[in-house]
Amino acid sequence: TVDKHILFADIIIETRGGREIVAQGFTRDDADRIKQLVG
């Protein structure tokens, strides 16, 4: 999930095992590209 803010975006990655990784402070374009690359 890409949570977009005014300038930056947070990337929330949820694994099939229920683990959650929250990566904060990426550019909105980078966040969209990461999501696209992972498929």
PDB file of all heavy atoms in Angstrom:
ATOM      1  N   THR A   1       0.854  -1.180   0.000  1.00  0.00           N
ATOM      2  CA  THR A   1       0.000   0.000   0.000  1.00  0.00           C
ATOM      3  C   THR A   1       0.893   1.233   0.000  1.00  0.00           C
ATOM      4  O   THR A   1       1.878   1.290   0.734  1.00  0.00           O
ATOM      5  CB  THR A   1      -0.897   0.021   1.256  1.00  0.00           C
ATOM      6  OG1 THR A   1      -1.623  -1.200   1.320  1.00  0.00           O
ATOM      7  CG2 THR A   1      -1.851   1.193   1.233  1.00  0.00           C
ATOM      8  N   VAL A   2       0.542   2.192  -0.834  1.00  0.00           N
ATOM      9  CA  VAL A   2       1.263   3.458  -0.866  1.00  0.00           C
ATOM     10  C   VAL A   2       0.359   4.513  -0.242  1.00  0.00           C
ATOM     11  O   VAL A   2      -0.729   4.779  -0.739  1.00  0.00           O
ATOM     12  CB  VAL A   2       1.647   3.850  -2.317  1.00  0.00           C
ATOM     13  CG1 VAL A   2       2.297   5.224  -2.337  1.00  0.00           C
ATOM     14  CG2 VAL A   2       2.572   2.804  -2.926  1.00  0.00           C
ATOM     15  N   ASP A   3       0.799   5.065   0.880  1.00  0.00           N
ATOM     16  CA  ASP A   3       0.050   6.101   1.594  1.00  0.00           C
ATOM     17  C   ASP A   3       0.690   7.442   1.242  1.00  0.00           C
ATOM     18  O   ASP A   3       1.740   7.789   1.778  1.00  0.00           O
ATOM     19  CB  ASP A   3       0.104   5.827   3.092  1.00  0.00           C
ATOM     20  CG  ASP A   3      -0.735   6.800   3.895  1.00  0.00           C
ATOM     21  OD1 ASP A   3      -1.545   7.541   3.304  1.00  0.00           O
ATOM     22  OD2 ASP A   3      -0.580   6.816   5.137  1.00  0.00           O
ATOM     23  N   LYS A   4       0.048   8.179   0.330  1.00  0.00           N
ATOM     24  CA  LYS A   4       0.629   9.434  -0.164  1.00  0.00           C
ATOM     25  C   LYS A   4       0.224  10.617   0.702  1.00  0.00           C
ATOM     26  O   LYS A   4      -0.924  10.754   1.083  1.00  0.00           O
ATOM     27  CB  LYS A   4       0.186   9.677  -1.607  1.00  0.00           C
ATOM     28  CG  LYS A   4       0.739   8.649  -2.561  1.00  0.00           C
ATOM     29  CD  LYS A   4       0.316   8.925  -3.986  1.00  0.00           C
ATOM     30  CE  LYS A   4       0.895   7.872  -4.906  1.00  0.00           C
ATOM     31  NZ  LYS A   4       0.500   8.070  -6.291  1.00  0.00           N
ATOM     32  N   HIS A   5       1.228  11.432   1.013  1.00  0.00           N
ATOM     33  CA  HIS A   5       1.025  12.669   1.752  1.00  0.00           C
ATOM     34  C   HIS A   5       1.301  13.830   0.801  1.00  0.00           C
ATOM     35  O   HIS A   5       1.501  13.623  -0.393  1.00  0.00           O
ATOM     36  CB  HIS A   5       1.954  12.705   2.969  1.00  0.00           C
ATOM     37  CG  HIS A   5       1.818  11.498   3.844  1.00  0.00           C
ATOM     38  ND1 HIS A   5       0.753  11.295   4.680  1.00  0.00           N
ATOM     39  CD2 HIS A   5       2.608  10.406   3.970  1.00  0.00           C
ATOM     40  CE1 HIS A   5       0.883  10.148   5.307  1.00  0.00           C
ATOM     41  NE2 HIS A   5       2.010   9.579   4.894  1.00  0.00           N
ATOM     42  N   ILE A   6       1.360  15.042   1.292  1.00  0.00           N
ATOM     43  CA  ILE A   6       1.554  16.208   0.424  1.00  0.00           C
ATOM     44  C   ILE A   6       2.849  16.101  -0.377  1.00  0.00           C
ATOM     45  O   ILE A   6       2.842  16.278  -1.579  1.00  0.00           O
ATOM     46  CB  ILE A   6       1.532  17.515   1.255  1.00  0.00           C
ATOM     47  CG1 ILE A   6       0.140  17.726   1.842  1.00  0.00           C
ATOM     48  CG2 ILE A   6       1.943  18.702   0.403  1.00  0.00           C
ATOM     49  CD1 ILE A   6       0.054  18.860   2.843  1.00  0.00           C
ATOM     50  N   LEU A   7       3.963  15.818   0.285  1.00  0.00           N
ATOM     51  CA  LEU A   7       5.244  15.757  -0.415  1.00  0.00           C
ATOM     52  C   LEU A   7       5.813  14.347  -0.528  1.00  0.00           C
ATOM     53  O   LEU A   7       6.486  14.026  -1.494  1.00  0.00           O
ATOM     54  CB  LEU A   7       6.283  16.639   0.287  1.00  0.00           C
ATOM     55  CG  LEU A   7       5.980  18.130   0.317  1.00  0.00           C
ATOM     56  CD1 LEU A   7       7.031  18.855   1.147  1.00  0.00           C
ATOM     57  CD2 LEU A   7       5.942  18.700  -1.087  1.00  0.00           C
ATOM     58  N   PHE A   8       5.579  13.535   0.457  1.00  0.00           N
ATOM     59  CA  PHE A   8       6.206  12.218   0.520  1.00  0.00           C
ATOM     60  C   PHE A   8       5.159  11.117   0.597  1.00  0.00           C
ATOM     61  O   PHE A   8       3.962  11.381   0.672  1.00  0.00           O
ATOM     62  CB  PHE A   8       7.141  12.141   1.733  1.00  0.00           C
ATOM     63  CG  PHE A   8       8.197  13.208   1.716  1.00  0.00           C
ATOM     64  CD1 PHE A   8       8.136  14.282   2.585  1.00  0.00           C
ATOM     65  CD2 PHE A   8       9.243  13.149   0.818  1.00  0.00           C
ATOM     66  CE1 PHE A   8       9.102  15.276   2.560  1.00  0.00           C
ATOM     67  CE2 PHE A   8      10.212  14.139   0.775  1.00  0.00           C
ATOM     68  CZ  PHE A   8      10.145  15.200   1.651  1.00  0.00           C
ATOM     69  N   ALA A   9       5.646   9.884   0.599  1.00  0.00           N
ATOM     70  CA  ALA A   9       4.749   8.739   0.686  1.00  0.00           C
ATOM     71  C   ALA A   9       5.350   7.690   1.606  1.00  0.00           C
ATOM     72  O   ALA A   9       6.571   7.566   1.725  1.00  0.00           O
ATOM     73  CB  ALA A   9       4.512   8.148  -0.697  1.00  0.00           C
ATOM     74  N   ASP A  10       4.478   6.944   2.255  1.00  0.00           N
ATOM     75  CA  ASP A  10       4.879   5.802   3.068  1.00  0.00           C
ATOM     76  C   ASP A  10       4.509   4.543   2.300  1.00  0.00           C
ATOM     77  O   ASP A  10       3.490   4.502   1.610  1.00  0.00           O
ATOM     78  CB  ASP A  10       4.164   5.801   4.412  1.00  0.00           C
ATOM     79  CG  ASP A  10       4.456   7.043   5.233  1.00  0.00           C
ATOM     80  OD1 ASP A  10       5.517   7.668   5.010  1.00  0.00           O
ATOM     81  OD2 ASP A  10       3.628   7.387   6.090  1.00  0.00           O
ATOM     82  N   ILE A  11       5.334   3.532   2.428  1.00  0.00           N
ATOM     83  CA  ILE A  11       5.089   2.262   1.766  1.00  0.00           C
ATOM     84  C   ILE A  11       4.828   1.230   2.852  1.00  0.00           C
ATOM     85  O   ILE A  11       5.672   1.024   3.731  1.00  0.00           O
ATOM     86  CB  ILE A  11       6.298   1.848   0.903  1.00  0.00           C
ATOM     87  CG1 ILE A  11       6.581   2.945  -0.118  1.00  0.00           C
ATOM     88  CG2 ILE A  11       6.055   0.508   0.232  1.00  0.00           C
ATOM     89  CD1 ILE A  11       7.943   2.895  -0.718  1.00  0.00           C
ATOM     90  N   ILE A  12       3.669   0.602   2.809  1.00  0.00           N
ATOM     91  CA  ILE A  12       3.308  -0.415   3.786  1.00  0.00           C
ATOM     92  C   ILE A  12       3.303  -1.759   3.074  1.00  0.00           C
ATOM     93  O   ILE A  12       2.535  -1.964   2.132  1.00  0.00           O
ATOM     94  CB  ILE A  12       1.938  -0.134   4.433  1.00  0.00           C
ATOM     95  CG1 ILE A  12       1.986   1.217   5.167  1.00  0.00           C
ATOM     96  CG2 ILE A  12       1.565  -1.225   5.424  1.00  0.00           C
ATOM     97  CD1 ILE A  12       1.187   2.275   4.516  1.00  0.00           C
ATOM     98  N   ILE A  13       4.175  -2.651   3.517  1.00  0.00           N
ATOM     99  CA  ILE A  13       4.300  -3.981   2.910  1.00  0.00           C
ATOM    100  C   ILE A  13       3.772  -4.984   3.918  1.00  0.00           C
ATOM    101  O   ILE A  13       4.270  -5.067   5.047  1.00  0.00           O
ATOM    102  CB  ILE A  13       5.773  -4.291   2.584  1.00  0.00           C
ATOM    103  CG1 ILE A  13       6.329  -3.225   1.639  1.00  0.00           C
ATOM    104  CG2 ILE A  13       5.917  -5.690   1.999  1.00  0.00           C
ATOM    105  CD1 ILE A  13       7.826  -3.137   1.608  1.00  0.00           C
ATOM    106  N   GLU A  14       2.763  -5.734   3.519  1.00  0.00           N
ATOM    107  CA  GLU A  14       2.209  -6.781   4.373  1.00  0.00           C
ATOM    108  C   GLU A  14       2.568  -8.126   3.773  1.00  0.00           C
ATOM    109  O   GLU A  14       2.329  -8.373   2.598  1.00  0.00           O
ATOM    110  CB  GLU A  14       0.693  -6.629   4.488  1.00  0.00           C
ATOM    111  CG  GLU A  14       0.295  -5.369   5.224  1.00  0.00           C
ATOM    112  CD  GLU A  14      -1.212  -5.239   5.381  1.00  0.00           C
ATOM    113  OE1 GLU A  14      -1.901  -6.271   5.442  1.00  0.00           O
ATOM    114  OE2 GLU A  14      -1.686  -4.102   5.434  1.00  0.00           O
ATOM    115  N   THR A  15       3.154  -8.993   4.607  1.00  0.00           N
ATOM    116  CA  THR A  15       3.533 -10.307   4.128  1.00  0.00           C
ATOM    117  C   THR A  15       2.381 -11.285   4.340  1.00  0.00           C
ATOM    118  O   THR A  15       1.464 -11.020   5.121  1.00  0.00           O
ATOM    119  CB  THR A  15       4.780 -10.833   4.863  1.00  0.00           C
ATOM    120  OG1 THR A  15       4.450 -11.052   6.226  1.00  0.00           O
ATOM    121  CG2 THR A  15       5.939  -9.861   4.750  1.00  0.00           C
ATOM    122  N   ARG A  16       2.473 -12.407   3.665  1.00  0.00           N
ATOM    123  CA  ARG A  16       1.437 -13.441   3.809  1.00  0.00           C
ATOM    124  C   ARG A  16       1.430 -14.033   5.210  1.00  0.00           C
ATOM    125  O   ARG A  16       0.450 -14.598   5.636  1.00  0.00           O
ATOM    126  CB  ARG A  16       1.635 -14.525   2.763  1.00  0.00           C
ATOM    127  CG  ARG A  16       1.459 -14.005   1.359  1.00  0.00           C
ATOM    128  CD  ARG A  16       1.401 -15.117   0.347  1.00  0.00           C
ATOM    129  NE  ARG A  16       1.485 -14.607  -1.007  1.00  0.00           N
ATOM    130  CZ  ARG A  16       0.508 -14.028  -1.679  1.00  0.00           C
ATOM    131  NH1 ARG A  16      -0.661 -13.876  -1.102  1.00  0.00           N
ATOM    132  NH2 ARG A  16       0.682 -13.597  -2.910  1.00  0.00           N
ATOM    133  N   GLY A  17       2.526 -13.872   5.950  1.00  0.00           N
ATOM    134  CA  GLY A  17       2.613 -14.368   7.320  1.00  0.00           C
ATOM    135  C   GLY A  17       2.101 -13.375   8.351  1.00  0.00           C
ATOM    136  O   GLY A  17       2.184 -13.611   9.545  1.00  0.00           O
ATOM    137  N   GLY A  18       1.587 -12.225   7.906  1.00  0.00           N
ATOM    138  CA  GLY A  18       1.024 -11.245   8.824  1.00  0.00           C
ATOM    139  C   GLY A  18       1.990 -10.179   9.307  1.00  0.00           C
ATOM    140  O   GLY A  18       1.638  -9.348  10.135  1.00  0.00           O
ATOM    141  N   ARG A  19       3.195 -10.178   8.803  1.00  0.00           N
ATOM    142  CA  ARG A  19       4.178  -9.170   9.199  1.00  0.00           C
ATOM    143  C   ARG A  19       3.940  -7.889   8.404  1.00  0.00           C
ATOM    144  O   ARG A  19       3.566  -7.932   7.242  1.00  0.00           O
ATOM    145  CB  ARG A  19       5.570  -9.707   8.903  1.00  0.00           C
ATOM    146  CG  ARG A  19       6.666  -8.887   9.451  1.00  0.00           C
ATOM    147  CD  ARG A  19       7.968  -9.633   9.245  1.00  0.00           C
ATOM    148  NE  ARG A  19       9.031  -8.913   9.899  1.00  0.00           N
ATOM    149  CZ  ARG A  19      10.269  -9.277   9.854  1.00  0.00           C
ATOM    150  NH1 ARG A  19      10.609 -10.352   9.197  1.00  0.00           N
ATOM    151  NH2 ARG A  19      11.187  -8.569  10.456  1.00  0.00           N
ATOM    152  N   GLU A  20       4.171  -6.749   9.037  1.00  0.00           N
ATOM    153  CA  GLU A  20       3.984  -5.463   8.374  1.00  0.00           C
ATOM    154  C   GLU A  20       5.277  -4.653   8.453  1.00  0.00           C
ATOM    155  O   GLU A  20       5.861  -4.515   9.516  1.00  0.00           O
ATOM    156  CB  GLU A  20       2.837  -4.689   9.024  1.00  0.00           C
ATOM    157  CG  GLU A  20       2.520  -3.394   8.315  1.00  0.00           C
ATOM    158  CD  GLU A  20       1.320  -2.683   8.903  1.00  0.00           C
ATOM    159  OE1 GLU A  20       1.508  -1.910   9.859  1.00  0.00           O
ATOM    160  OE2 GLU A  20       0.220  -2.920   8.411  1.00  0.00           O
ATOM    161  N   ILE A  21       5.698  -4.140   7.304  1.00  0.00           N
ATOM    162  CA  ILE A  21       6.877  -3.277   7.219  1.00  0.00           C
ATOM    163  C   ILE A  21       6.399  -1.915   6.754  1.00  0.00           C
ATOM    164  O   ILE A  21       5.714  -1.819   5.734  1.00  0.00           O
ATOM    165  CB  ILE A  21       7.898  -3.845   6.210  1.00  0.00           C
ATOM    166  CG1 ILE A  21       8.358  -5.234   6.653  1.00  0.00           C
ATOM    167  CG2 ILE A  21       9.080  -2.901   6.056  1.00  0.00           C
ATOM    168  CD1 ILE A  21       9.079  -6.003   5.570  1.00  0.00           C
ATOM    169  N   VAL A  22       6.743  -0.868   7.493  1.00  0.00           N
ATOM    170  CA  VAL A  22       6.359   0.489   7.122  1.00  0.00           C
ATOM    171  C   VAL A  22       7.626   1.275   6.819  1.00  0.00           C
ATOM    172  O   VAL A  22       8.459   1.491   7.698  1.00  0.00           O
ATOM    173  CB  VAL A  22       5.550   1.183   8.237  1.00  0.00           C
ATOM    174  CG1 VAL A  22       5.185   2.597   7.833  1.00  0.00           C
ATOM    175  CG2 VAL A  22       4.303   0.378   8.583  1.00  0.00           C
ATOM    176  N   ALA A  23       7.777   1.668   5.560  1.00  0.00           N
ATOM    177  CA  ALA A  23       8.932   2.455   5.122  1.00  0.00           C
ATOM    178  C   ALA A  23       8.435   3.875   4.853  1.00  0.00           C
ATOM    179  O   ALA A  23       7.592   4.084   3.987  1.00  0.00           O
ATOM    180  CB  ALA A  23       9.535   1.844   3.865  1.00  0.00           C
ATOM    181  N   GLN A  24       8.962   4.840   5.575  1.00  0.00           N
ATOM    182  CA  GLN A  24       8.468   6.213   5.512  1.00  0.00           C
ATOM    183  C   GLN A  24       9.425   7.146   4.787  1.00  0.00           C
ATOM    184  O   GLN A  24      10.632   6.943   4.791  1.00  0.00           O
ATOM    185  CB  GLN A  24       8.238   6.748   6.927  1.00  0.00           C
ATOM    186  CG  GLN A  24       7.223   5.948   7.712  1.00  0.00           C
ATOM    187  CD  GLN A  24       7.104   6.442   9.133  1.00  0.00           C
ATOM    188  OE1 GLN A  24       8.091   6.631   9.815  1.00  0.00           O
ATOM    189  NE2 GLN A  24       5.871   6.666   9.561  1.00  0.00           N
ATOM    190  N   GLY A  25       8.844   8.190   4.161  1.00  0.00           N
ATOM    191  CA  GLY A  25       9.636   9.285   3.637  1.00  0.00           C
ATOM    192  C   GLY A  25      10.151   9.147   2.225  1.00  0.00           C
ATOM    193  O   GLY A  25      11.100   9.823   1.848  1.00  0.00           O
ATOM    194  N   PHE A  26       9.553   8.298   1.415  1.00  0.00           N
ATOM    195  CA  PHE A  26       9.969   8.157   0.023  1.00  0.00           C
ATOM    196  C   PHE A  26       9.202   9.143  -0.849  1.00  0.00           C
ATOM    197  O   PHE A  26       8.116   9.599  -0.476  1.00  0.00           O
ATOM    198  CB  PHE A  26       9.737   6.725  -0.459  1.00  0.00           C
ATOM    199  CG  PHE A  26      10.682   5.744   0.171  1.00  0.00           C
ATOM    200  CD1 PHE A  26      10.419   5.214   1.424  1.00  0.00           C
ATOM    201  CD2 PHE A  26      11.845   5.377  -0.463  1.00  0.00           C
ATOM    202  CE1 PHE A  26      11.297   4.332   2.027  1.00  0.00           C
ATOM    203  CE2 PHE A  26      12.740   4.497   0.125  1.00  0.00           C
ATOM    204  CZ  PHE A  26      12.460   3.976   1.373  1.00  0.00           C
ATOM    205  N   THR A  27       9.771   9.479  -2.001  1.00  0.00           N
ATOM    206  CA  THR A  27       9.027  10.349  -2.905  1.00  0.00           C
ATOM    207  C   THR A  27       7.810   9.587  -3.411  1.00  0.00           C
ATOM    208  O   THR A  27       7.801   8.349  -3.441  1.00  0.00           O
ATOM    209  CB  THR A  27       9.877  10.801  -4.117  1.00  0.00           C
ATOM    210  OG1 THR A  27      10.179   9.668  -4.923  1.00  0.00           O
ATOM    211  CG2 THR A  27      11.145  11.517  -3.677  1.00  0.00           C
ATOM    212  N   ARG A  28       6.821  10.313  -3.815  1.00  0.00           N
ATOM    213  CA  ARG A  28       5.595   9.686  -4.319  1.00  0.00           C
ATOM    214  C   ARG A  28       5.882   8.864  -5.563  1.00  0.00           C
ATOM    215  O   ARG A  28       5.356   7.762  -5.722  1.00  0.00           O
ATOM    216  CB  ARG A  28       4.549  10.766  -4.592  1.00  0.00           C
ATOM    217  CG  ARG A  28       4.098  11.472  -3.316  1.00  0.00           C
ATOM    218  CD  ARG A  28       3.375  12.772  -3.590  1.00  0.00           C
ATOM    219  NE  ARG A  28       2.201  12.595  -4.400  1.00  0.00           N
ATOM    220  CZ  ARG A  28       0.960  12.807  -4.015  1.00  0.00           C
ATOM    221  NH1 ARG A  28       0.733  13.227  -2.790  1.00  0.00           N
ATOM    222  NH2 ARG A  28      -0.043  12.630  -4.825  1.00  0.00           N
ATOM    223  N   ASP A  29       6.754   9.371  -6.446  1.00  0.00           N
ATOM    224  CA  ASP A  29       7.115   8.639  -7.664  1.00  0.00           C
ATOM    225  C   ASP A  29       7.873   7.352  -7.336  1.00  0.00           C
ATOM    226  O   ASP A  29       7.618   6.309  -7.941  1.00  0.00           O
ATOM    227  CB  ASP A  29       7.956   9.513  -8.596  1.00  0.00           C
ATOM    228  CG  ASP A  29       7.148  10.616  -9.267  1.00  0.00           C
ATOM    229  OD1 ASP A  29       5.897  10.517  -9.314  1.00  0.00           O
ATOM    230  OD2 ASP A  29       7.767  11.579  -9.752  1.00  0.00           O
ATOM    231  N   ASP A  30       8.815   7.432  -6.391  1.00  0.00           N
ATOM    232  CA  ASP A  30       9.554   6.231  -5.994  1.00  0.00           C
ATOM    233  C   ASP A  30       8.622   5.186  -5.395  1.00  0.00           C
ATOM    234  O   ASP A  30       8.755   3.993  -5.676  1.00  0.00           O
ATOM    235  CB  ASP A  30      10.657   6.571  -4.986  1.00  0.00           C
ATOM    236  CG  ASP A  30      11.906   7.151  -5.627  1.00  0.00           C
ATOM    237  OD1 ASP A  30      11.970   7.207  -6.879  1.00  0.00           O
ATOM    238  OD2 ASP A  30      12.819   7.548  -4.874  1.00  0.00           O
ATOM    239  N   ALA A  31       7.681   5.617  -4.582  1.00  0.00           N
ATOM    240  CA  ALA A  31       6.737   4.684  -3.973  1.00  0.00           C
ATOM    241  C   ALA A  31       5.912   3.964  -5.043  1.00  0.00           C
ATOM    242  O   ALA A  31       5.730   2.747  -4.980  1.00  0.00           O
ATOM    243  CB  ALA A  31       5.825   5.419  -2.995  1.00  0.00           C
ATOM    244  N   ASP A  32       5.434   4.708  -6.027  1.00  0.00           N
ATOM    245  CA  ASP A  32       4.678   4.093  -7.121  1.00  0.00           C
ATOM    246  C   ASP A  32       5.547   3.121  -7.910  1.00  0.00           C
ATOM    247  O   ASP A  32       5.101   2.038  -8.306  1.00  0.00           O
ATOM    248  CB  ASP A  32       4.109   5.161  -8.054  1.00  0.00           C
ATOM    249  CG  ASP A  32       2.959   5.930  -7.435  1.00  0.00           C
ATOM    250  OD1 ASP A  32       2.307   5.411  -6.498  1.00  0.00           O
ATOM    251  OD2 ASP A  32       2.707   7.066  -7.893  1.00  0.00           O
ATOM    252  N   ARG A  33       6.800   3.480  -8.144  1.00  0.00           N
ATOM    253  CA  ARG A  33       7.722   2.628  -8.903  1.00  0.00           C
ATOM    254  C   ARG A  33       8.035   1.340  -8.134  1.00  0.00           C
ATOM    255  O   ARG A  33       8.104   0.263  -8.720  1.00  0.00           O
ATOM    256  CB  ARG A  33       9.017   3.400  -9.203  1.00  0.00           C
ATOM    257  CG  ARG A  33      10.005   2.635 -10.003  1.00  0.00           C
ATOM    258  CD  ARG A  33       9.585   2.527 -11.458  1.00  0.00           C
ATOM    259  NE  ARG A  33      10.655   1.901 -12.219  1.00  0.00           N
ATOM    260  CZ  ARG A  33      10.482   0.888 -13.047  1.00  0.00           C
ATOM    261  NH1 ARG A  33       9.296   0.418 -13.298  1.00  0.00           N
ATOM    262  NH2 ARG A  33      11.501   0.363 -13.668  1.00  0.00           N
ATOM    263  N   ILE A  34       8.211   1.431  -6.843  1.00  0.00           N
ATOM    264  CA  ILE A  34       8.460   0.254  -6.025  1.00  0.00           C
ATOM    265  C   ILE A  34       7.281  -0.703  -6.121  1.00  0.00           C
ATOM    266  O   ILE A  34       7.460  -1.910  -6.333  1.00  0.00           O
ATOM    267  CB  ILE A  34       8.731   0.650  -4.556  1.00  0.00           C
ATOM    268  CG1 ILE A  34      10.087   1.349  -4.447  1.00  0.00           C
ATOM    269  CG2 ILE A  34       8.666  -0.560  -3.632  1.00  0.00           C
ATOM    270  CD1 ILE A  34      10.311   2.092  -3.148  1.00  0.00           C
ATOM    271  N   LYS A  35       6.102  -0.181  -5.988  1.00  0.00           N
ATOM    272  CA  LYS A  35       4.900  -1.009  -6.089  1.00  0.00           C
ATOM    273  C   LYS A  35       4.817  -1.679  -7.464  1.00  0.00           C
ATOM    274  O   LYS A  35       4.497  -2.853  -7.580  1.00  0.00           O
ATOM    275  CB  LYS A  35       3.648  -0.161  -5.818  1.00  0.00           C
ATOM    276  CG  LYS A  35       2.383  -0.963  -5.740  1.00  0.00           C
ATOM    277  CD  LYS A  35       1.218  -0.114  -5.284  1.00  0.00           C
ATOM    278  CE  LYS A  35      -0.035  -0.960  -5.220  1.00  0.00           C
ATOM    279  NZ  LYS A  35      -1.166  -0.221  -4.722  1.00  0.00           N
ATOM    280  N   GLN A  36       5.137  -0.944  -8.493  1.00  0.00           N
ATOM    281  CA  GLN A  36       5.101  -1.475  -9.861  1.00  0.00           C
ATOM    282  C   GLN A  36       6.151  -2.580 -10.049  1.00  0.00           C
ATOM    283  O   GLN A  36       5.856  -3.619 -10.653  1.00  0.00           O
ATOM    284  CB  GLN A  36       5.347  -0.352 -10.857  1.00  0.00           C
ATOM    285  CG  GLN A  36       5.385  -0.794 -12.303  1.00  0.00           C
ATOM    286  CD  GLN A  36       5.815   0.335 -13.238  1.00  0.00           C
ATOM    287  OE1 GLN A  36       6.573   1.215 -12.825  1.00  0.00           O
ATOM    288  NE2 GLN A  36       5.349   0.274 -14.454  1.00  0.00           N
ATOM    289  N   LEU A  37       7.351  -2.392  -9.545  1.00  0.00           N
ATOM    290  CA  LEU A  37       8.417  -3.362  -9.721  1.00  0.00           C
ATOM    291  C   LEU A  37       8.136  -4.682  -9.021  1.00  0.00           C
ATOM    292  O   LEU A  37       8.528  -5.747  -9.503  1.00  0.00           O
ATOM    293  CB  LEU A  37       9.757  -2.789  -9.222  1.00  0.00           C
ATOM    294  CG  LEU A  37      10.393  -1.734 -10.094  1.00  0.00           C
ATOM    295  CD1 LEU A  37      11.544  -1.050  -9.367  1.00  0.00           C
ATOM    296  CD2 LEU A  37      10.873  -2.343 -11.415  1.00  0.00           C
ATOM    297  N   VAL A  38       7.498  -4.602  -7.885  1.00  0.00           N
ATOM    298  CA  VAL A  38       7.205  -5.826  -7.132  1.00  0.00           C
ATOM    299  C   VAL A  38       6.053  -6.593  -7.781  1.00  0.00           C
ATOM    300  O   VAL A  38       5.888  -7.781  -7.560  1.00  0.00           O
ATOM    301  CB  VAL A  38       6.936  -5.497  -5.654  1.00  0.00           C
ATOM    302  CG1 VAL A  38       6.509  -6.711  -4.880  1.00  0.00           C
ATOM    303  CG2 VAL A  38       8.180  -4.899  -5.028  1.00  0.00           C
ATOM    304  N   GLY A  39       5.272  -5.906  -8.584  1.00  0.00           N
ATOM    305  CA  GLY A  39       4.220  -6.590  -9.315  1.00  0.00           C
ATOM    306  C   GLY A  39       2.845  -6.528  -8.698  1.00  0.00           C
ATOM    307  O   GLY A  39       1.969  -7.319  -9.002  1.00  0.00           O
TER     308      GLY A  39
END
